[in-house]
Structures are given as structure tokens and as C-alpha cells.
Amino acid sequence: MDKKENLKRLLQSNHCAVKALIDDISEEESMRHDYPHCNHIRWQTGHLAYSAHVVLKMLGEKSGIEEEWIKLFGRGPKIYDNASIYPSMQELRDRLYSYYDKIFPALEKVTTEYLDTEQEFAPTWKSTPMDGILFFCTHEFYHAGQITVMRRVLGRDKPFG
């Protein structure tokens, strides 16, 4: 199995896990913030959508994300408890899943050589697309863990096994 196939499997596994964690979360539940070490699920979902947008950029795609989304869900924003500040949970899921759907065709288009070519993704971040995407896979799973904690706070059954 080559590098791209391994990356595809990892992304598919992560995406499947995230979907199992957020598919059944209601609008009200998405704003619960009962555990001090986890942000509410609505912010987590928006942040995962923002991260998927960055993965698409690393694959050379123009995913298009509004400046307001970057301010709300990018790195280090203030987290609000007012639901009206955020898009609905359904809109967040739709956006995240649309980015997920675009990642695999984008991955198919790039070469292994491209994945291993160092690039500047931000003024202070140089990396290969492969290393950058692997970072975001780990990052995604970290946030999936926070969502799992919030599901327990909500009294939800385990989404796996």
C-alpha cells in the first residue's frame, strides 16, 4: 500500500468517527458547555470544518471559507455560549461533510512527490502536505476525543462498539 492509500484510509477512519460522534447531536445539545476542559460541540464541529478547509488547501484546492468562519473557528478564538453567534449545527455538519467529500478527489489528483514537497502554508509554517495533513488527522482525533467527553456529559451512549 502506498503513501496516498495509507493517508486515504486514515482520513476515512477519522471522518467516519467524527460523523458517528456528531450526526445525532441536536441544536440544543451542541451548545452545552458543562465540562470546563472541552469546548461545546457546535464550536468543535465548526473548528473541524475549518481544519478540513485547510487540508483542502494543502491539497491545492480552493475550498472557499468565509472570513467570519475563520474568525469563529480558526486557531485561538473566543468561545461564545450564545448560539446565535454560530451557524446551526446542521449547517456546520453540512459544511464539514462537504469538505470531507472534496478531500478524496483532491487527494487522488496530487502526486506522491507533491505530498513530499515542502511548502509554506502560513507565514510561520513550512511543511510538506503529507506532514501537514497527518498533523490535521491527529488534531481531528484530539477534537473527536473532546466531543466524546461532551457526549458522556450529555448522557449519550458510546458511539462505537
N, C-alpha and C. Protein backbone atom coordinates (compact mmCIF):
# COMPACT_ATOMS: atom_id res chain seq x y z
N MET A 1 0.85 -1.18 0.00
CA MET A 1 0.00 0.00 0.00
C MET A 1 0.89 1.24 0.00
N ASP A 2 0.58 2.19 -0.86
CA ASP A 2 1.42 3.38 -0.95
C ASP A 2 0.97 4.46 0.03
N LYS A 3 1.74 5.52 0.07
CA LYS A 3 1.55 6.64 0.99
C LYS A 3 0.15 7.26 0.85
N LYS A 4 -0.27 7.49 -0.37
CA LYS A 4 -1.59 8.09 -0.60
C LYS A 4 -2.71 7.18 -0.10
N GLU A 5 -2.57 5.89 -0.33
CA GLU A 5 -3.60 4.94 0.13
C GLU A 5 -3.66 4.91 1.66
N ASN A 6 -2.51 4.93 2.30
CA ASN A 6 -2.48 4.98 3.77
C ASN A 6 -3.14 6.25 4.30
N LEU A 7 -2.83 7.36 3.67
CA LEU A 7 -3.41 8.63 4.08
C LEU A 7 -4.93 8.61 3.88
N LYS A 8 -5.36 8.07 2.76
CA LYS A 8 -6.79 7.96 2.47
C LYS A 8 -7.50 7.13 3.55
N ARG A 9 -6.91 6.01 3.93
CA ARG A 9 -7.52 5.16 4.97
C ARG A 9 -7.61 5.88 6.31
N LEU A 10 -6.57 6.61 6.66
CA LEU A 10 -6.58 7.36 7.92
C LEU A 10 -7.66 8.43 7.90
N LEU A 11 -7.74 9.16 6.81
CA LEU A 11 -8.77 10.20 6.68
C LEU A 11 -10.17 9.59 6.73
N GLN A 12 -10.39 8.48 6.03
CA GLN A 12 -11.69 7.82 6.05
C GLN A 12 -12.06 7.38 7.46
N SER A 13 -11.12 6.83 8.18
CA SER A 13 -11.36 6.38 9.55
C SER A 13 -11.74 7.55 10.45
N ASN A 14 -10.97 8.63 10.35
CA ASN A 14 -11.28 9.82 11.15
C ASN A 14 -12.65 10.39 10.80
N HIS A 15 -12.94 10.50 9.51
CA HIS A 15 -14.21 11.08 9.09
C HIS A 15 -15.39 10.23 9.57
N CYS A 16 -15.25 8.94 9.49
CA CYS A 16 -16.29 8.03 9.96
C CYS A 16 -16.52 8.22 11.47
N ALA A 17 -15.44 8.34 12.23
CA ALA A 17 -15.55 8.53 13.68
C ALA A 17 -16.23 9.85 14.00
N VAL A 18 -15.81 10.92 13.35
CA VAL A 18 -16.40 12.24 13.61
C VAL A 18 -17.89 12.23 13.28
N LYS A 19 -18.26 11.65 12.15
CA LYS A 19 -19.67 11.59 11.79
C LYS A 19 -20.49 10.83 12.83
N ALA A 20 -19.94 9.72 13.34
CA ALA A 20 -20.66 8.95 14.37
C ALA A 20 -20.83 9.78 15.64
N LEU A 21 -19.91 10.68 15.90
CA LEU A 21 -19.97 11.49 17.11
C LEU A 21 -20.93 12.66 17.00
N ILE A 22 -21.13 13.21 15.81
CA ILE A 22 -21.93 14.44 15.71
C ILE A 22 -23.26 14.28 14.97
N ASP A 23 -23.46 13.17 14.28
CA ASP A 23 -24.68 13.02 13.48
C ASP A 23 -25.97 13.19 14.28
N ASP A 24 -25.99 12.74 15.51
CA ASP A 24 -27.23 12.76 16.29
C ASP A 24 -27.30 13.88 17.33
N ILE A 25 -26.38 14.83 17.27
CA ILE A 25 -26.35 15.92 18.24
C ILE A 25 -27.36 17.00 17.82
N SER A 26 -28.23 17.34 18.74
CA SER A 26 -29.26 18.35 18.46
C SER A 26 -28.67 19.76 18.56
N GLU A 27 -29.44 20.73 18.10
CA GLU A 27 -29.02 22.13 18.18
C GLU A 27 -28.76 22.51 19.64
N GLU A 28 -29.69 22.15 20.52
CA GLU A 28 -29.54 22.48 21.94
C GLU A 28 -28.33 21.78 22.56
N GLU A 29 -28.19 20.50 22.29
CA GLU A 29 -27.06 19.75 22.84
C GLU A 29 -25.72 20.30 22.35
N SER A 30 -25.71 20.80 21.13
CA SER A 30 -24.45 21.27 20.55
C SER A 30 -23.87 22.46 21.28
N MET A 31 -24.68 23.15 22.07
CA MET A 31 -24.21 24.33 22.80
C MET A 31 -23.92 24.05 24.27
N ARG A 32 -24.14 22.84 24.72
CA ARG A 32 -23.85 22.51 26.13
C ARG A 32 -22.37 22.68 26.40
N HIS A 33 -22.07 23.25 27.53
CA HIS A 33 -20.68 23.54 27.89
C HIS A 33 -20.49 23.25 29.37
N ASP A 34 -20.80 22.00 29.74
CA ASP A 34 -20.83 21.60 31.14
C ASP A 34 -19.49 21.11 31.68
N TYR A 35 -18.54 20.92 30.83
CA TYR A 35 -17.26 20.37 31.25
C TYR A 35 -16.19 21.40 30.92
N PRO A 36 -15.45 21.88 31.91
CA PRO A 36 -14.56 23.02 31.69
C PRO A 36 -13.38 22.78 30.74
N HIS A 37 -13.05 21.54 30.47
CA HIS A 37 -11.88 21.26 29.63
C HIS A 37 -12.22 20.99 28.17
N CYS A 38 -13.49 21.11 27.81
CA CYS A 38 -13.92 20.87 26.43
C CYS A 38 -14.81 22.01 25.96
N ASN A 39 -14.59 22.45 24.75
CA ASN A 39 -15.48 23.44 24.15
C ASN A 39 -16.77 22.75 23.73
N HIS A 40 -17.83 23.53 23.54
CA HIS A 40 -19.09 22.92 23.13
C HIS A 40 -18.97 22.30 21.74
N ILE A 41 -19.85 21.35 21.47
CA ILE A 41 -19.77 20.57 20.24
C ILE A 41 -20.00 21.44 19.00
N ARG A 42 -20.78 22.48 19.13
CA ARG A 42 -21.01 23.33 17.96
C ARG A 42 -19.68 23.98 17.54
N TRP A 43 -18.92 24.50 18.50
CA TRP A 43 -17.63 25.08 18.14
C TRP A 43 -16.68 24.00 17.61
N GLN A 44 -16.66 22.86 18.27
CA GLN A 44 -15.77 21.77 17.82
C GLN A 44 -16.05 21.41 16.36
N THR A 45 -17.32 21.31 16.00
CA THR A 45 -17.70 20.95 14.64
C THR A 45 -17.26 22.02 13.65
N GLY A 46 -17.47 23.29 14.00
CA GLY A 46 -17.02 24.37 13.13
C GLY A 46 -15.50 24.38 12.98
N HIS A 47 -14.81 24.09 14.07
CA HIS A 47 -13.35 24.05 14.03
C HIS A 47 -12.87 22.89 13.15
N LEU A 48 -13.56 21.77 13.20
CA LEU A 48 -13.20 20.65 12.32
C LEU A 48 -13.46 21.00 10.86
N ALA A 49 -14.53 21.75 10.60
CA ALA A 49 -14.80 22.20 9.22
C ALA A 49 -13.68 23.14 8.76
N TYR A 50 -13.29 24.07 9.62
CA TYR A 50 -12.18 24.96 9.29
C TYR A 50 -10.91 24.15 8.99
N SER A 51 -10.63 23.15 9.80
CA SER A 51 -9.44 22.31 9.62
C SER A 51 -9.51 21.53 8.31
N ALA A 52 -10.69 21.01 7.97
CA ALA A 52 -10.85 20.30 6.70
C ALA A 52 -10.61 21.25 5.52
N HIS A 53 -11.01 22.49 5.68
CA HIS A 53 -10.73 23.52 4.67
C HIS A 53 -9.22 23.68 4.48
N VAL A 54 -8.48 23.68 5.59
CA VAL A 54 -7.01 23.81 5.49
C VAL A 54 -6.41 22.59 4.79
N VAL A 55 -6.93 21.40 5.09
CA VAL A 55 -6.45 20.19 4.41
C VAL A 55 -6.68 20.32 2.90
N LEU A 56 -7.83 20.81 2.51
CA LEU A 56 -8.10 21.01 1.08
C LEU A 56 -7.09 21.98 0.47
N LYS A 57 -6.78 23.05 1.18
CA LYS A 57 -5.76 23.99 0.69
C LYS A 57 -4.42 23.30 0.53
N MET A 58 -4.08 22.41 1.46
CA MET A 58 -2.81 21.69 1.38
C MET A 58 -2.78 20.77 0.16
N LEU A 59 -3.95 20.36 -0.28
CA LEU A 59 -4.05 19.50 -1.47
C LEU A 59 -4.21 20.32 -2.75
N GLY A 60 -4.06 21.64 -2.62
CA GLY A 60 -4.10 22.50 -3.80
C GLY A 60 -5.49 22.93 -4.23
N GLU A 61 -6.49 22.71 -3.38
CA GLU A 61 -7.87 23.07 -3.73
C GLU A 61 -8.25 24.42 -3.13
N LYS A 62 -9.14 25.08 -3.79
CA LYS A 62 -9.70 26.34 -3.30
C LYS A 62 -11.08 26.02 -2.71
N SER A 63 -11.12 25.76 -1.42
CA SER A 63 -12.38 25.33 -0.80
C SER A 63 -13.30 26.49 -0.51
N GLY A 64 -12.78 27.67 -0.34
CA GLY A 64 -13.60 28.82 -0.04
C GLY A 64 -14.24 28.77 1.32
N ILE A 65 -13.75 29.59 2.21
CA ILE A 65 -14.34 29.68 3.54
C ILE A 65 -14.42 31.16 3.88
N GLU A 66 -15.54 31.56 4.43
CA GLU A 66 -15.76 32.96 4.74
C GLU A 66 -14.87 33.42 5.88
N GLU A 67 -14.51 34.69 5.83
CA GLU A 67 -13.68 35.29 6.88
C GLU A 67 -14.34 35.13 8.25
N GLU A 68 -15.65 35.24 8.29
CA GLU A 68 -16.37 35.08 9.57
C GLU A 68 -16.15 33.68 10.16
N TRP A 69 -16.13 32.66 9.30
CA TRP A 69 -15.87 31.30 9.78
C TRP A 69 -14.46 31.19 10.33
N ILE A 70 -13.51 31.82 9.67
CA ILE A 70 -12.13 31.78 10.15
C ILE A 70 -12.05 32.44 11.52
N LYS A 71 -12.73 33.58 11.69
CA LYS A 71 -12.73 34.27 12.99
C LYS A 71 -13.37 33.43 14.09
N LEU A 72 -14.46 32.73 13.75
CA LEU A 72 -15.17 31.93 14.75
C LEU A 72 -14.48 30.61 15.05
N PHE A 73 -13.90 29.98 14.03
CA PHE A 73 -13.46 28.59 14.17
C PHE A 73 -11.98 28.35 13.91
N GLY A 74 -11.25 29.38 13.54
CA GLY A 74 -9.82 29.22 13.32
C GLY A 74 -9.09 29.01 14.65
N ARG A 75 -7.82 29.19 14.60
CA ARG A 75 -6.99 28.94 15.79
C ARG A 75 -7.15 30.04 16.82
N GLY A 76 -7.49 29.66 18.06
CA GLY A 76 -7.48 30.55 19.20
C GLY A 76 -8.59 31.56 19.36
N PRO A 77 -9.79 31.33 18.83
CA PRO A 77 -10.84 32.34 19.01
C PRO A 77 -11.47 32.27 20.39
N LYS A 78 -12.20 33.33 20.75
CA LYS A 78 -13.02 33.31 21.96
C LYS A 78 -14.19 32.37 21.68
N ILE A 79 -14.54 31.56 22.68
CA ILE A 79 -15.67 30.63 22.55
C ILE A 79 -16.88 31.28 23.23
N TYR A 80 -17.97 31.38 22.49
CA TYR A 80 -19.18 32.03 23.00
C TYR A 80 -20.21 30.98 23.39
N ASP A 81 -21.02 31.32 24.40
CA ASP A 81 -22.12 30.45 24.81
C ASP A 81 -23.44 30.86 24.16
N ASN A 82 -23.42 31.87 23.34
CA ASN A 82 -24.61 32.36 22.66
C ASN A 82 -24.73 31.67 21.30
N ALA A 83 -25.74 30.83 21.16
CA ALA A 83 -25.90 30.04 19.93
C ALA A 83 -26.09 30.92 18.69
N SER A 84 -26.66 32.11 18.85
CA SER A 84 -26.94 32.96 17.69
C SER A 84 -25.67 33.47 17.02
N ILE A 85 -24.55 33.36 17.68
CA ILE A 85 -23.28 33.80 17.10
C ILE A 85 -22.78 32.79 16.05
N TYR A 86 -23.19 31.55 16.21
CA TYR A 86 -22.69 30.46 15.37
C TYR A 86 -23.72 30.02 14.33
N PRO A 87 -23.23 29.43 13.24
CA PRO A 87 -24.16 28.75 12.33
C PRO A 87 -24.83 27.60 13.09
N SER A 88 -25.95 27.12 12.56
CA SER A 88 -26.64 25.99 13.20
C SER A 88 -25.78 24.74 13.13
N MET A 89 -26.09 23.81 14.00
CA MET A 89 -25.37 22.54 13.99
C MET A 89 -25.54 21.85 12.64
N GLN A 90 -26.73 21.94 12.07
CA GLN A 90 -26.97 21.31 10.77
C GLN A 90 -26.11 21.96 9.68
N GLU A 91 -26.01 23.27 9.70
CA GLU A 91 -25.17 23.96 8.71
C GLU A 91 -23.70 23.57 8.89
N LEU A 92 -23.27 23.46 10.13
CA LEU A 92 -21.88 23.06 10.40
C LEU A 92 -21.60 21.65 9.91
N ARG A 93 -22.54 20.73 10.20
CA ARG A 93 -22.37 19.35 9.70
C ARG A 93 -22.31 19.34 8.19
N ASP A 94 -23.24 20.04 7.56
CA ASP A 94 -23.27 20.07 6.09
C ASP A 94 -21.96 20.59 5.51
N ARG A 95 -21.44 21.65 6.09
CA ARG A 95 -20.20 22.23 5.59
C ARG A 95 -19.04 21.25 5.80
N LEU A 96 -18.95 20.69 7.02
CA LEU A 96 -17.87 19.74 7.30
C LEU A 96 -17.93 18.56 6.34
N TYR A 97 -19.11 17.99 6.15
CA TYR A 97 -19.23 16.81 5.29
C TYR A 97 -18.96 17.16 3.83
N SER A 98 -19.29 18.37 3.41
CA SER A 98 -18.99 18.76 2.02
C SER A 98 -17.48 18.87 1.83
N TYR A 99 -16.77 19.38 2.82
CA TYR A 99 -15.31 19.42 2.74
C TYR A 99 -14.74 18.01 2.74
N TYR A 100 -15.28 17.16 3.62
CA TYR A 100 -14.82 15.77 3.64
C TYR A 100 -14.96 15.13 2.25
N ASP A 101 -16.10 15.37 1.60
CA ASP A 101 -16.35 14.79 0.28
C ASP A 101 -15.37 15.30 -0.78
N LYS A 102 -14.85 16.50 -0.60
CA LYS A 102 -13.92 17.07 -1.57
C LYS A 102 -12.48 16.62 -1.35
N ILE A 103 -12.18 16.16 -0.16
CA ILE A 103 -10.79 15.80 0.17
C ILE A 103 -10.30 14.62 -0.67
N PHE A 104 -11.13 13.58 -0.83
CA PHE A 104 -10.66 12.38 -1.51
C PHE A 104 -10.39 12.59 -3.00
N PRO A 105 -11.26 13.28 -3.73
CA PRO A 105 -10.92 13.57 -5.13
C PRO A 105 -9.67 14.46 -5.23
N ALA A 106 -9.51 15.38 -4.29
CA ALA A 106 -8.32 16.24 -4.30
C ALA A 106 -7.06 15.41 -4.05
N LEU A 107 -7.15 14.47 -3.13
CA LEU A 107 -6.02 13.59 -2.84
C LEU A 107 -5.65 12.75 -4.06
N GLU A 108 -6.66 12.28 -4.78
CA GLU A 108 -6.41 11.48 -5.99
C GLU A 108 -5.65 12.27 -7.05
N LYS A 109 -5.89 13.58 -7.11
CA LYS A 109 -5.28 14.42 -8.15
C LYS A 109 -3.80 14.69 -7.92
N VAL A 110 -3.36 14.67 -6.66
CA VAL A 110 -1.97 15.03 -6.39
C VAL A 110 -1.06 13.82 -6.48
N THR A 111 0.20 14.09 -6.73
CA THR A 111 1.19 13.01 -6.81
C THR A 111 1.84 12.80 -5.44
N THR A 112 2.46 11.66 -5.28
CA THR A 112 3.21 11.39 -4.06
C THR A 112 4.34 12.40 -3.92
N GLU A 113 4.94 12.78 -5.03
CA GLU A 113 6.01 13.78 -5.00
C GLU A 113 5.50 15.11 -4.45
N TYR A 114 4.30 15.49 -4.87
CA TYR A 114 3.69 16.72 -4.36
C TYR A 114 3.51 16.62 -2.84
N LEU A 115 3.04 15.48 -2.36
CA LEU A 115 2.82 15.31 -0.93
C LEU A 115 4.11 15.46 -0.13
N ASP A 116 5.24 15.21 -0.76
CA ASP A 116 6.54 15.27 -0.08
C ASP A 116 7.33 16.56 -0.35
N THR A 117 6.72 17.52 -1.01
CA THR A 117 7.39 18.77 -1.34
C THR A 117 7.08 19.84 -0.29
N GLU A 118 8.12 20.36 0.35
CA GLU A 118 7.90 21.37 1.39
C GLU A 118 7.30 22.64 0.79
N GLN A 119 6.32 23.18 1.50
CA GLN A 119 5.63 24.39 1.09
C GLN A 119 5.40 25.28 2.30
N GLU A 120 5.08 26.53 2.03
CA GLU A 120 4.74 27.44 3.11
C GLU A 120 3.22 27.57 3.16
N PHE A 121 2.63 27.07 4.23
CA PHE A 121 1.17 27.10 4.37
C PHE A 121 0.69 28.30 5.17
N ALA A 122 1.57 28.88 5.93
CA ALA A 122 1.30 30.08 6.69
C ALA A 122 2.64 30.77 6.91
N PRO A 123 2.63 32.04 7.25
CA PRO A 123 3.90 32.76 7.42
C PRO A 123 4.89 32.07 8.37
N THR A 124 4.39 31.35 9.33
CA THR A 124 5.29 30.69 10.28
C THR A 124 5.23 29.17 10.19
N TRP A 125 4.68 28.66 9.08
CA TRP A 125 4.54 27.20 8.98
C TRP A 125 4.94 26.69 7.61
N LYS A 126 6.10 26.04 7.57
CA LYS A 126 6.55 25.33 6.37
C LYS A 126 6.46 23.85 6.67
N SER A 127 5.93 23.11 5.71
CA SER A 127 5.77 21.67 5.89
C SER A 127 5.50 21.05 4.53
N THR A 128 5.56 19.74 4.50
CA THR A 128 5.09 19.05 3.31
C THR A 128 3.58 18.87 3.47
N PRO A 129 2.83 18.77 2.38
CA PRO A 129 1.41 18.48 2.52
C PRO A 129 1.17 17.20 3.32
N MET A 130 2.00 16.19 3.12
CA MET A 130 1.83 14.93 3.84
C MET A 130 1.92 15.15 5.35
N ASP A 131 2.97 15.83 5.80
CA ASP A 131 3.12 16.07 7.23
C ASP A 131 2.02 16.98 7.76
N GLY A 132 1.63 17.97 6.97
CA GLY A 132 0.56 18.87 7.39
C GLY A 132 -0.76 18.13 7.55
N ILE A 133 -1.08 17.27 6.59
CA ILE A 133 -2.35 16.52 6.65
C ILE A 133 -2.30 15.52 7.80
N LEU A 134 -1.16 14.89 8.02
CA LEU A 134 -1.04 13.98 9.17
C LEU A 134 -1.23 14.74 10.48
N PHE A 135 -0.69 15.96 10.56
CA PHE A 135 -0.93 16.79 11.74
C PHE A 135 -2.43 17.00 11.93
N PHE A 136 -3.13 17.34 10.85
CA PHE A 136 -4.57 17.60 10.98
C PHE A 136 -5.36 16.34 11.29
N CYS A 137 -4.87 15.18 10.88
CA CYS A 137 -5.52 13.93 11.27
C CYS A 137 -5.45 13.74 12.79
N THR A 138 -4.27 13.99 13.35
CA THR A 138 -4.10 13.89 14.80
C THR A 138 -4.95 14.95 15.50
N HIS A 139 -4.93 16.15 14.98
CA HIS A 139 -5.72 17.26 15.52
C HIS A 139 -7.21 16.92 15.50
N GLU A 140 -7.67 16.33 14.40
CA GLU A 140 -9.08 15.95 14.29
C GLU A 140 -9.45 14.91 15.34
N PHE A 141 -8.57 13.97 15.57
CA PHE A 141 -8.86 12.93 16.55
C PHE A 141 -8.84 13.48 17.96
N TYR A 142 -7.99 14.47 18.22
CA TYR A 142 -7.98 15.16 19.52
C TYR A 142 -9.35 15.78 19.78
N HIS A 143 -9.88 16.48 18.78
CA HIS A 143 -11.20 17.11 18.95
C HIS A 143 -12.31 16.07 19.01
N ALA A 144 -12.16 14.96 18.32
CA ALA A 144 -13.13 13.87 18.44
C ALA A 144 -13.16 13.37 19.88
N GLY A 145 -12.02 13.33 20.53
CA GLY A 145 -11.97 12.94 21.93
C GLY A 145 -12.73 13.92 22.82
N GLN A 146 -12.59 15.21 22.54
CA GLN A 146 -13.34 16.20 23.32
C GLN A 146 -14.85 16.04 23.08
N ILE A 147 -15.24 15.77 21.86
CA ILE A 147 -16.66 15.57 21.56
C ILE A 147 -17.16 14.32 22.29
N THR A 148 -16.33 13.29 22.37
CA THR A 148 -16.71 12.07 23.10
C THR A 148 -16.97 12.38 24.56
N VAL A 149 -16.12 13.21 25.17
CA VAL A 149 -16.33 13.61 26.56
C VAL A 149 -17.65 14.35 26.70
N MET A 150 -17.92 15.27 25.78
CA MET A 150 -19.18 16.03 25.85
C MET A 150 -20.38 15.11 25.64
N ARG A 151 -20.26 14.10 24.82
CA ARG A 151 -21.35 13.13 24.65
C ARG A 151 -21.65 12.43 25.98
N ARG A 152 -20.61 12.11 26.72
CA ARG A 152 -20.82 11.47 28.03
C ARG A 152 -21.53 12.42 28.97
N VAL A 153 -21.14 13.70 28.95
CA VAL A 153 -21.80 14.71 29.77
C VAL A 153 -23.28 14.78 29.41
N LEU A 154 -23.59 14.61 28.13
CA LEU A 154 -24.98 14.65 27.65
C LEU A 154 -25.74 13.37 27.98
N GLY A 155 -25.02 12.36 28.51
CA GLY A 155 -25.66 11.08 28.83
C GLY A 155 -25.86 10.18 27.63
N ARG A 156 -25.12 10.43 26.57
CA ARG A 156 -25.24 9.62 25.35
C ARG A 156 -24.51 8.30 25.49
N ASP A 157 -25.04 7.30 24.81
CA ASP A 157 -24.35 6.00 24.74
C ASP A 157 -23.06 6.18 23.94
N LYS A 158 -22.18 5.21 24.12
CA LYS A 158 -20.93 5.22 23.34
C LYS A 158 -21.28 5.11 21.86
N PRO A 159 -20.63 5.93 21.02
CA PRO A 159 -20.93 5.87 19.58
C PRO A 159 -20.26 4.70 18.87
N PHE A 160 -19.33 4.02 19.54
CA PHE A 160 -18.60 2.91 18.92
C PHE A 160 -18.69 1.70 19.82
N GLY A 161 -18.68 0.54 19.19
CA GLY A 161 -18.57 -0.74 19.90
C GLY A 161 -19.65 -1.12 20.83
